[in-house]
Protein backbone atom coordinates (compact mmCIF):
# COMPACT_ATOMS: atom_id res chain seq x y z
CA MET A 1 30.63 -3.70 -18.42
CA THR A 2 29.61 -4.62 -16.40
CA MET A 3 25.48 -5.92 -16.10
CA ARG A 4 23.76 -5.42 -12.89
CA LYS A 5 21.29 -8.36 -11.31
CA THR A 6 17.43 -6.80 -11.91
CA ARG A 7 15.82 -9.83 -9.85
CA LYS A 8 16.80 -11.90 -7.01
CA ALA A 9 15.26 -15.42 -6.20
CA LEU A 10 13.34 -15.50 -3.00
CA THR A 11 12.73 -18.70 -1.70
CA ILE A 12 9.59 -19.32 1.09
CA SER A 13 7.58 -21.89 2.85
CA MET A 14 4.43 -22.41 3.10
CA PRO A 15 1.47 -25.41 4.13
CA GLN A 16 0.71 -27.70 1.61
CA ASP A 17 -2.23 -27.07 1.65
CA MET A 18 -1.64 -22.93 0.93
CA ALA A 19 0.22 -23.73 -1.51
CA GLU A 20 -1.43 -25.73 -3.40
CA GLN A 21 -4.12 -23.57 -3.82
CA TYR A 22 -1.37 -20.72 -4.81
CA ASP A 23 -0.18 -22.68 -7.78
CA ASN A 24 -4.27 -23.70 -8.80
CA LEU A 25 -4.92 -19.59 -8.91
CA ALA A 26 -1.72 -19.19 -11.08
CA LYS A 27 -2.72 -22.03 -13.40
CA LYS A 28 -6.74 -20.18 -13.25
CA LEU A 29 -4.90 -17.01 -14.44
CA ALA A 30 -2.58 -18.02 -17.09
CA LYS A 31 0.22 -16.37 -15.02
CA ASN A 32 3.24 -17.60 -13.37
CA ARG A 33 4.01 -18.32 -9.66
CA SER A 34 6.68 -15.55 -10.07
CA VAL A 35 4.43 -12.82 -11.86
CA LEU A 36 1.59 -14.10 -9.17
CA PHE A 37 3.43 -12.74 -6.15
CA ARG A 38 4.93 -9.51 -7.96
CA GLU A 39 1.14 -8.90 -8.38
CA MET A 40 -0.04 -9.85 -5.10
CA PHE A 41 2.41 -7.74 -3.22
CA LEU A 42 2.24 -4.48 -5.29
CA SER A 43 -1.52 -5.05 -4.72
CA TYR A 44 -0.58 -5.15 -0.72
CA LYS A 45 1.41 -2.89 -1.02
CA ARG A 46 -0.85 -0.50 -2.78
CA GLN A 47 -3.20 -0.84 0.57
CA ALA A 48 -1.05 -0.39 2.94
CA LEU A 49 0.06 2.39 1.18
CA GLU A 50 -4.14 3.61 1.08
CA LYS A 51 -4.17 2.65 4.54
CA GLU A 52 -1.99 4.69 6.10
CA PHE A 53 -3.21 7.71 3.67
CA ARG A 54 -6.00 7.63 5.27
CA ASP A 55 -4.70 7.32 9.14
CA ILE A 56 -3.47 10.27 7.94
CA GLN A 57 -6.41 11.85 7.07
CA THR A 58 -8.35 10.42 10.40
CA TYR A 59 -5.32 12.04 12.36
CA GLY A 60 -5.62 15.35 10.34
CA ALA A 61 -9.16 15.36 11.07
CA GLN A 62 -9.39 15.06 14.17
CA LEU A 63 -6.56 17.16 15.49
CA ALA A 64 -8.07 19.76 13.30
CA ARG A 65 -11.59 19.96 14.86
CA LYS A 66 -9.99 19.62 18.59
CA LYS A 67 -8.90 22.93 17.21
CA GLY A 68 -12.19 24.37 15.87
CA LEU A 69 -11.38 24.49 12.24
CA LEU A 70 -14.17 23.14 10.06
CA THR A 71 -13.96 25.14 6.68
CA GLU A 72 -11.76 25.95 4.25
CA ALA A 73 -12.00 28.92 5.55
CA ASP A 74 -11.34 27.87 9.09
CA VAL A 75 -7.56 26.30 7.03
CA GLU A 76 -7.16 29.09 5.09
CA ARG A 77 -7.65 31.92 8.00
CA LEU A 78 -4.73 29.97 10.23
CA VAL A 79 -2.70 29.52 7.10
CA PHE A 80 -2.47 33.05 6.29
CA GLU A 81 -2.34 34.40 9.88
CA GLY A 82 0.62 34.73 10.52
CA HIS A 83 1.99 37.20 7.00
């Protein structure tokens, strides 16, 4: 039976002072480098998805205003217009 790898080692480079700050932060939070990086990555990913969602909401709201859709009733009227 073949076992699949669940982890992949990555090598990153950063300025020396940033690396020291990173290590200090990991130590302060009592986390190893890998755990800290995973948490930072997931936090960044979540923020990026939230920004994308907000951008889509803004676009949709602008488009709705251009079409004169200002209330839920306006949206329902448009959705059910063809039925």
